[in-house]
Amino acid sequence: MQEMIGVDDSVDDDRYAHALEQLVDAVVAGDEPAEPPRPEPAVDLMTALQQSVDEARSARHPAKRPSSVDREGK
């Protein structure tokens, strides 16, 4: 296996491998396997993007000024 210089892979968080190890250990010991953790719900990226754009626009333009047509009453 080739190693990458400057990368410390000993701190990687591999939850799948850890959960698999726990499952194998439980089966080998004859115990009932633990309930697997529930995955986090998926994020709707389009909704999150639209919300971010709306927040950025409102930060740039806190109060919409009336246009010249509105000021003249036409």
PDB file of N, CA and C in Angstrom:
ATOM      1  N   MET A   1       0.841  -1.184   0.000  1.00  0.00           N
ATOM      2  CA  MET A   1       0.000   0.000   0.000  1.00  0.00           C
ATOM      3  C   MET A   1       0.883   1.243   0.000  1.00  0.00           C
ATOM      4  N   GLN A   2       0.555   2.187  -0.833  1.00  0.00           N
ATOM      5  CA  GLN A   2       1.336   3.404  -0.938  1.00  0.00           C
ATOM      6  C   GLN A   2       0.847   4.413   0.090  1.00  0.00           C
ATOM      7  N   GLU A   3       1.795   5.092   0.740  1.00  0.00           N
ATOM      8  CA  GLU A   3       1.442   6.090   1.739  1.00  0.00           C
ATOM      9  C   GLU A   3       1.571   7.486   1.151  1.00  0.00           C
ATOM     10  N   MET A   4       0.667   8.357   1.586  1.00  0.00           N
ATOM     11  CA  MET A   4       0.735   9.744   1.155  1.00  0.00           C
ATOM     12  C   MET A   4       1.548  10.531   2.174  1.00  0.00           C
ATOM     13  N   ILE A   5       2.475  11.294   1.691  1.00  0.00           N
ATOM     14  CA  ILE A   5       3.323  12.081   2.582  1.00  0.00           C
ATOM     15  C   ILE A   5       2.515  13.228   3.162  1.00  0.00           C
ATOM     16  N   GLY A   6       2.603  13.404   4.468  1.00  0.00           N
ATOM     17  CA  GLY A   6       1.932  14.506   5.135  1.00  0.00           C
ATOM     18  C   GLY A   6       0.480  14.238   5.488  1.00  0.00           C
ATOM     19  N   VAL A   7       0.002  13.015   5.284  1.00  0.00           N
ATOM     20  CA  VAL A   7      -1.379  12.681   5.613  1.00  0.00           C
ATOM     21  C   VAL A   7      -1.381  11.681   6.749  1.00  0.00           C
ATOM     22  N   ASP A   8      -2.070  12.028   7.825  1.00  0.00           N
ATOM     23  CA  ASP A   8      -2.169  11.140   8.971  1.00  0.00           C
ATOM     24  C   ASP A   8      -3.525  10.460   8.935  1.00  0.00           C
ATOM     25  N   ASP A   9      -3.553   9.223   8.446  1.00  0.00           N
ATOM     26  CA  ASP A   9      -4.827   8.518   8.338  1.00  0.00           C
ATOM     27  C   ASP A   9      -5.192   7.765   9.610  1.00  0.00           C
ATOM     28  N   SER A  10      -4.399   7.909  10.649  1.00  0.00           N
ATOM     29  CA  SER A  10      -4.704   7.212  11.903  1.00  0.00           C
ATOM     30  C   SER A  10      -5.857   7.880  12.644  1.00  0.00           C
ATOM     31  N   VAL A  11      -6.227   9.090  12.250  1.00  0.00           N
ATOM     32  CA  VAL A  11      -7.306   9.794  12.938  1.00  0.00           C
ATOM     33  C   VAL A  11      -8.625   9.741  12.180  1.00  0.00           C
ATOM     34  N   ASP A  12      -8.662   8.979  11.087  1.00  0.00           N
ATOM     35  CA  ASP A  12      -9.899   8.861  10.317  1.00  0.00           C
ATOM     36  C   ASP A  12     -10.995   8.232  11.175  1.00  0.00           C
ATOM     37  N   ASP A  13     -12.187   8.725  11.023  1.00  0.00           N
ATOM     38  CA  ASP A  13     -13.332   8.208  11.754  1.00  0.00           C
ATOM     39  C   ASP A  13     -14.124   7.317  10.813  1.00  0.00           C
ATOM     40  N   ASP A  14     -13.934   6.018  10.939  1.00  0.00           N
ATOM     41  CA  ASP A  14     -14.632   5.076  10.082  1.00  0.00           C
ATOM     42  C   ASP A  14     -15.721   4.408  10.906  1.00  0.00           C
ATOM     43  N   ARG A  15     -16.894   5.042  10.938  1.00  0.00           N
ATOM     44  CA  ARG A  15     -17.989   4.528  11.766  1.00  0.00           C
ATOM     45  C   ARG A  15     -18.495   3.187  11.268  1.00  0.00           C
ATOM     46  N   TYR A  16     -18.460   2.966   9.964  1.00  0.00           N
ATOM     47  CA  TYR A  16     -18.932   1.703   9.418  1.00  0.00           C
ATOM     48  C   TYR A  16     -18.042   0.551   9.896  1.00  0.00           C
ATOM     49  N   ALA A  17     -16.726   0.736   9.780  1.00  0.00           N
ATOM     50  CA  ALA A  17     -15.795  -0.312  10.204  1.00  0.00           C
ATOM     51  C   ALA A  17     -15.936  -0.577  11.695  1.00  0.00           C
ATOM     52  N   HIS A  18     -16.105   0.477  12.476  1.00  0.00           N
ATOM     53  CA  HIS A  18     -16.262   0.320  13.932  1.00  0.00           C
ATOM     54  C   HIS A  18     -17.549  -0.452  14.242  1.00  0.00           C
ATOM     55  N   ALA A  19     -18.639  -0.107  13.590  1.00  0.00           N
ATOM     56  CA  ALA A  19     -19.911  -0.794  13.818  1.00  0.00           C
ATOM     57  C   ALA A  19     -19.817  -2.253  13.379  1.00  0.00           C
ATOM     58  N   LEU A  20     -19.117  -2.515  12.278  1.00  0.00           N
ATOM     59  CA  LEU A  20     -18.947  -3.874  11.806  1.00  0.00           C
ATOM     60  C   LEU A  20     -18.133  -4.704  12.795  1.00  0.00           C
ATOM     61  N   GLU A  21     -17.080  -4.110  13.339  1.00  0.00           N
ATOM     62  CA  GLU A  21     -16.275  -4.803  14.352  1.00  0.00           C
ATOM     63  C   GLU A  21     -17.121  -5.161  15.572  1.00  0.00           C
ATOM     64  N   GLN A  22     -17.964  -4.222  16.014  1.00  0.00           N
ATOM     65  CA  GLN A  22     -18.823  -4.486  17.166  1.00  0.00           C
ATOM     66  C   GLN A  22     -19.812  -5.609  16.860  1.00  0.00           C
ATOM     67  N   LEU A  23     -20.354  -5.635  15.665  1.00  0.00           N
ATOM     68  CA  LEU A  23     -21.295  -6.673  15.271  1.00  0.00           C
ATOM     69  C   LEU A  23     -20.615  -8.042  15.259  1.00  0.00           C
ATOM     70  N   VAL A  24     -19.430  -8.114  14.657  1.00  0.00           N
ATOM     71  CA  VAL A  24     -18.690  -9.381  14.601  1.00  0.00           C
ATOM     72  C   VAL A  24     -18.340  -9.843  16.007  1.00  0.00           C
ATOM     73  N   ASP A  25     -17.877  -8.939  16.857  1.00  0.00           N
ATOM     74  CA  ASP A  25     -17.534  -9.307  18.237  1.00  0.00           C
ATOM     75  C   ASP A  25     -18.754  -9.842  18.979  1.00  0.00           C
ATOM     76  N   ALA A  26     -19.910  -9.220  18.783  1.00  0.00           N
ATOM     77  CA  ALA A  26     -21.130  -9.662  19.461  1.00  0.00           C
ATOM     78  C   ALA A  26     -21.547 -11.048  18.981  1.00  0.00           C
ATOM     79  N   VAL A  27     -21.455 -11.288  17.680  1.00  0.00           N
ATOM     80  CA  VAL A  27     -21.849 -12.589  17.136  1.00  0.00           C
ATOM     81  C   VAL A  27     -20.889 -13.676  17.624  1.00  0.00           C
ATOM     82  N   VAL A  28     -19.603 -13.389  17.615  1.00  0.00           N
ATOM     83  CA  VAL A  28     -18.611 -14.355  18.075  1.00  0.00           C
ATOM     84  C   VAL A  28     -18.831 -14.688  19.549  1.00  0.00           C
ATOM     85  N   ALA A  29     -19.165 -13.687  20.354  1.00  0.00           N
ATOM     86  CA  ALA A  29     -19.391 -13.901  21.785  1.00  0.00           C
ATOM     87  C   ALA A  29     -20.745 -14.539  22.063  1.00  0.00           C
ATOM     88  N   GLY A  30     -21.595 -14.644  21.049  1.00  0.00           N
ATOM     89  CA  GLY A  30     -22.907 -15.243  21.228  1.00  0.00           C
ATOM     90  C   GLY A  30     -23.934 -14.270  21.777  1.00  0.00           C
ATOM     91  N   ASP A  31     -23.611 -12.992  21.779  1.00  0.00           N
ATOM     92  CA  ASP A  31     -24.530 -11.960  22.281  1.00  0.00           C
ATOM     93  C   ASP A  31     -25.478 -11.512  21.170  1.00  0.00           C
ATOM     94  N   GLU A  32     -26.522 -10.859  21.586  1.00  0.00           N
ATOM     95  CA  GLU A  32     -27.464 -10.254  20.632  1.00  0.00           C
ATOM     96  C   GLU A  32     -26.812  -8.980  20.087  1.00  0.00           C
ATOM     97  N   PRO A  33     -26.739  -8.845  18.771  1.00  0.00           N
ATOM     98  CA  PRO A  33     -26.130  -7.624  18.217  1.00  0.00           C
ATOM     99  C   PRO A  33     -26.904  -6.377  18.625  1.00  0.00           C
ATOM    100  N   ALA A  34     -26.165  -5.282  18.822  1.00  0.00           N
ATOM    101  CA  ALA A  34     -26.768  -4.002  19.207  1.00  0.00           C
ATOM    102  C   ALA A  34     -27.533  -3.427  18.012  1.00  0.00           C
ATOM    103  N   GLU A  35     -28.523  -2.625  18.320  1.00  0.00           N
ATOM    104  CA  GLU A  35     -29.303  -1.938  17.284  1.00  0.00           C
ATOM    105  C   GLU A  35     -28.378  -0.951  16.564  1.00  0.00           C
ATOM    106  N   PRO A  36     -28.331  -0.990  15.235  1.00  0.00           N
ATOM    107  CA  PRO A  36     -27.459  -0.055  14.519  1.00  0.00           C
ATOM    108  C   PRO A  36     -27.966   1.379  14.673  1.00  0.00           C
ATOM    109  N   PRO A  37     -27.058   2.344  14.673  1.00  0.00           N
ATOM    110  CA  PRO A  37     -27.492   3.743  14.785  1.00  0.00           C
ATOM    111  C   PRO A  37     -28.288   4.151  13.550  1.00  0.00           C
ATOM    112  N   ARG A  38     -29.267   4.989  13.774  1.00  0.00           N
ATOM    113  CA  ARG A  38     -30.092   5.468  12.658  1.00  0.00           C
ATOM    114  C   ARG A  38     -29.331   6.561  11.912  1.00  0.00           C
ATOM    115  N   PRO A  39     -29.375   6.507  10.581  1.00  0.00           N
ATOM    116  CA  PRO A  39     -28.688   7.547   9.806  1.00  0.00           C
ATOM    117  C   PRO A  39     -29.416   8.883   9.946  1.00  0.00           C
ATOM    118  N   GLU A  40     -28.652   9.944   9.800  1.00  0.00           N
ATOM    119  CA  GLU A  40     -29.246  11.280   9.850  1.00  0.00           C
ATOM    120  C   GLU A  40     -30.074  11.491   8.584  1.00  0.00           C
ATOM    121  N   PRO A  41     -31.174  12.224   8.710  1.00  0.00           N
ATOM    122  CA  PRO A  41     -31.995  12.450   7.514  1.00  0.00           C
ATOM    123  C   PRO A  41     -31.220  13.259   6.474  1.00  0.00           C
ATOM    124  N   ALA A  42     -31.524  12.988   5.224  1.00  0.00           N
ATOM    125  CA  ALA A  42     -30.857  13.686   4.127  1.00  0.00           C
ATOM    126  C   ALA A  42     -31.291  15.148   4.098  1.00  0.00           C
ATOM    127  N   VAL A  43     -30.390  15.993   3.665  1.00  0.00           N
ATOM    128  CA  VAL A  43     -30.658  17.418   3.564  1.00  0.00           C
ATOM    129  C   VAL A  43     -31.149  17.716   2.151  1.00  0.00           C
ATOM    130  N   ASP A  44     -32.221  18.476   2.043  1.00  0.00           N
ATOM    131  CA  ASP A  44     -32.711  18.905   0.739  1.00  0.00           C
ATOM    132  C   ASP A  44     -31.818  20.065   0.296  1.00  0.00           C
ATOM    133  N   LEU A  45     -30.903  19.780  -0.613  1.00  0.00           N
ATOM    134  CA  LEU A  45     -29.908  20.768  -1.009  1.00  0.00           C
ATOM    135  C   LEU A  45     -30.516  21.989  -1.686  1.00  0.00           C
ATOM    136  N   MET A  46     -31.541  21.801  -2.495  1.00  0.00           N
ATOM    137  CA  MET A  46     -32.159  22.942  -3.180  1.00  0.00           C
ATOM    138  C   MET A  46     -32.823  23.882  -2.173  1.00  0.00           C
ATOM    139  N   THR A  47     -33.483  23.330  -1.174  1.00  0.00           N
ATOM    140  CA  THR A  47     -34.118  24.164  -0.148  1.00  0.00           C
ATOM    141  C   THR A  47     -33.059  24.900   0.655  1.00  0.00           C
ATOM    142  N   ALA A  48     -31.983  24.210   1.016  1.00  0.00           N
ATOM    143  CA  ALA A  48     -30.904  24.837   1.775  1.00  0.00           C
ATOM    144  C   ALA A  48     -30.246  25.950   0.966  1.00  0.00           C
ATOM    145  N   LEU A  49     -30.047  25.723  -0.326  1.00  0.00           N
ATOM    146  CA  LEU A  49     -29.453  26.740  -1.195  1.00  0.00           C
ATOM    147  C   LEU A  49     -30.367  27.948  -1.320  1.00  0.00           C
ATOM    148  N   GLN A  50     -31.653  27.722  -1.523  1.00  0.00           N
ATOM    149  CA  GLN A  50     -32.599  28.830  -1.654  1.00  0.00           C
ATOM    150  C   GLN A  50     -32.649  29.650  -0.369  1.00  0.00           C
ATOM    151  N   GLN A  51     -32.627  28.968   0.777  1.00  0.00           N
ATOM    152  CA  GLN A  51     -32.647  29.664   2.058  1.00  0.00           C
ATOM    153  C   GLN A  51     -31.387  30.508   2.224  1.00  0.00           C
ATOM    154  N   SER A  52     -30.243  29.972   1.823  1.00  0.00           N
ATOM    155  CA  SER A  52     -28.987  30.707   1.913  1.00  0.00           C
ATOM    156  C   SER A  52     -29.007  31.940   1.018  1.00  0.00           C
ATOM    157  N   VAL A  53     -29.513  31.792  -0.204  1.00  0.00           N
ATOM    158  CA  VAL A  53     -29.601  32.926  -1.131  1.00  0.00           C
ATOM    159  C   VAL A  53     -30.540  33.987  -0.577  1.00  0.00           C
ATOM    160  N   ASP A  54     -31.689  33.574  -0.047  1.00  0.00           N
ATOM    161  CA  ASP A  54     -32.646  34.525   0.526  1.00  0.00           C
ATOM    162  C   ASP A  54     -32.033  35.285   1.698  1.00  0.00           C
ATOM    163  N   GLU A  55     -31.296  34.587   2.557  1.00  0.00           N
ATOM    164  CA  GLU A  55     -30.656  35.241   3.704  1.00  0.00           C
ATOM    165  C   GLU A  55     -29.588  36.227   3.251  1.00  0.00           C
ATOM    166  N   ALA A  56     -28.817  35.848   2.227  1.00  0.00           N
ATOM    167  CA  ALA A  56     -27.776  36.747   1.713  1.00  0.00           C
ATOM    168  C   ALA A  56     -28.399  37.991   1.091  1.00  0.00           C
ATOM    169  N   ARG A  57     -29.498  37.822   0.368  1.00  0.00           N
ATOM    170  CA  ARG A  57     -30.170  38.976  -0.241  1.00  0.00           C
ATOM    171  C   ARG A  57     -30.739  39.899   0.818  1.00  0.00           C
ATOM    172  N   SER A  58     -31.351  39.341   1.831  1.00  0.00           N
ATOM    173  CA  SER A  58     -31.946  40.193   2.866  1.00  0.00           C
ATOM    174  C   SER A  58     -30.868  40.896   3.682  1.00  0.00           C
ATOM    175  N   ALA A  59     -29.689  40.299   3.791  1.00  0.00           N
ATOM    176  CA  ALA A  59     -28.585  40.961   4.500  1.00  0.00           C
ATOM    177  C   ALA A  59     -28.051  42.134   3.689  1.00  0.00           C
ATOM    178  N   ARG A  60     -28.038  41.986   2.363  1.00  0.00           N
ATOM    179  CA  ARG A  60     -27.563  43.068   1.495  1.00  0.00           C
ATOM    180  C   ARG A  60     -28.584  44.177   1.357  1.00  0.00           C
ATOM    181  N   HIS A  61     -29.858  43.836   1.354  1.00  0.00           N
ATOM    182  CA  HIS A  61     -30.938  44.792   1.158  1.00  0.00           C
ATOM    183  C   HIS A  61     -31.937  44.643   2.312  1.00  0.00           C
ATOM    184  N   PRO A  62     -31.612  45.219   3.481  1.00  0.00           N
ATOM    185  CA  PRO A  62     -32.468  44.990   4.659  1.00  0.00           C
ATOM    186  C   PRO A  62     -33.918  45.425   4.463  1.00  0.00           C
ATOM    187  N   ALA A  63     -34.135  46.564   3.849  1.00  0.00           N
ATOM    188  CA  ALA A  63     -35.513  47.015   3.612  1.00  0.00           C
ATOM    189  C   ALA A  63     -35.580  47.490   2.171  1.00  0.00           C
ATOM    190  N   LYS A  64     -36.509  46.980   1.453  1.00  0.00           N
ATOM    191  CA  LYS A  64     -36.638  47.369   0.058  1.00  0.00           C
ATOM    192  C   LYS A  64     -37.208  48.780  -0.015  1.00  0.00           C
ATOM    193  N   ARG A  65     -36.482  49.654  -0.702  1.00  0.00           N
ATOM    194  CA  ARG A  65     -36.937  51.038  -0.850  1.00  0.00           C
ATOM    195  C   ARG A  65     -37.989  51.117  -1.945  1.00  0.00           C
ATOM    196  N   PRO A  66     -38.951  51.995  -1.797  1.00  0.00           N
ATOM    197  CA  PRO A  66     -39.963  52.130  -2.850  1.00  0.00           C
ATOM    198  C   PRO A  66     -39.331  52.657  -4.130  1.00  0.00           C
ATOM    199  N   SER A  67     -39.806  52.173  -5.249  1.00  0.00           N
ATOM    200  CA  SER A  67     -39.270  52.626  -6.528  1.00  0.00           C
ATOM    201  C   SER A  67     -39.784  54.030  -6.820  1.00  0.00           C
ATOM    202  N   SER A  68     -39.248  54.643  -7.867  1.00  0.00           N
ATOM    203  CA  SER A  68     -39.668  55.999  -8.213  1.00  0.00           C
ATOM    204  C   SER A  68     -41.149  56.022  -8.592  1.00  0.00           C
ATOM    205  N   VAL A  69     -41.659  54.945  -9.156  1.00  0.00           N
ATOM    206  CA  VAL A  69     -43.084  54.883  -9.504  1.00  0.00           C
ATOM    207  C   VAL A  69     -43.916  54.907  -8.232  1.00  0.00           C
ATOM    208  N   ASP A  70     -43.500  54.174  -7.209  1.00  0.00           N
ATOM    209  CA  ASP A  70     -44.232  54.142  -5.938  1.00  0.00           C
ATOM    210  C   ASP A  70     -44.207  55.502  -5.250  1.00  0.00           C
ATOM    211  N   ARG A  71     -43.071  56.202  -5.328  1.00  0.00           N
ATOM    212  CA  ARG A  71     -42.969  57.495  -4.654  1.00  0.00           C
ATOM    213  C   ARG A  71     -43.822  58.557  -5.319  1.00  0.00           C
ATOM    214  N   GLU A  72     -43.999  58.466  -6.636  1.00  0.00           N
ATOM    215  CA  GLU A  72     -44.766  59.464  -7.360  1.00  0.00           C
ATOM    216  C   GLU A  72     -46.249  59.141  -7.346  1.00  0.00           C
ATOM    217  N   GLY A  73     -46.588  57.960  -6.893  1.00  0.00           N
ATOM    218  CA  GLY A  73     -47.990  57.587  -6.785  1.00  0.00           C
ATOM    219  C   GLY A  73     -48.620  57.194  -8.101  1.00  0.00           C
ATOM    220  N   LYS A  74     -47.868  56.769  -9.048  1.00  0.00           N
ATOM    221  CA  LYS A  74     -48.424  56.378 -10.353  1.00  0.00           C
ATOM    222  C   LYS A  74     -48.715  54.935 -10.398  1.00  0.00           C
TER     223      LYS A  74
END
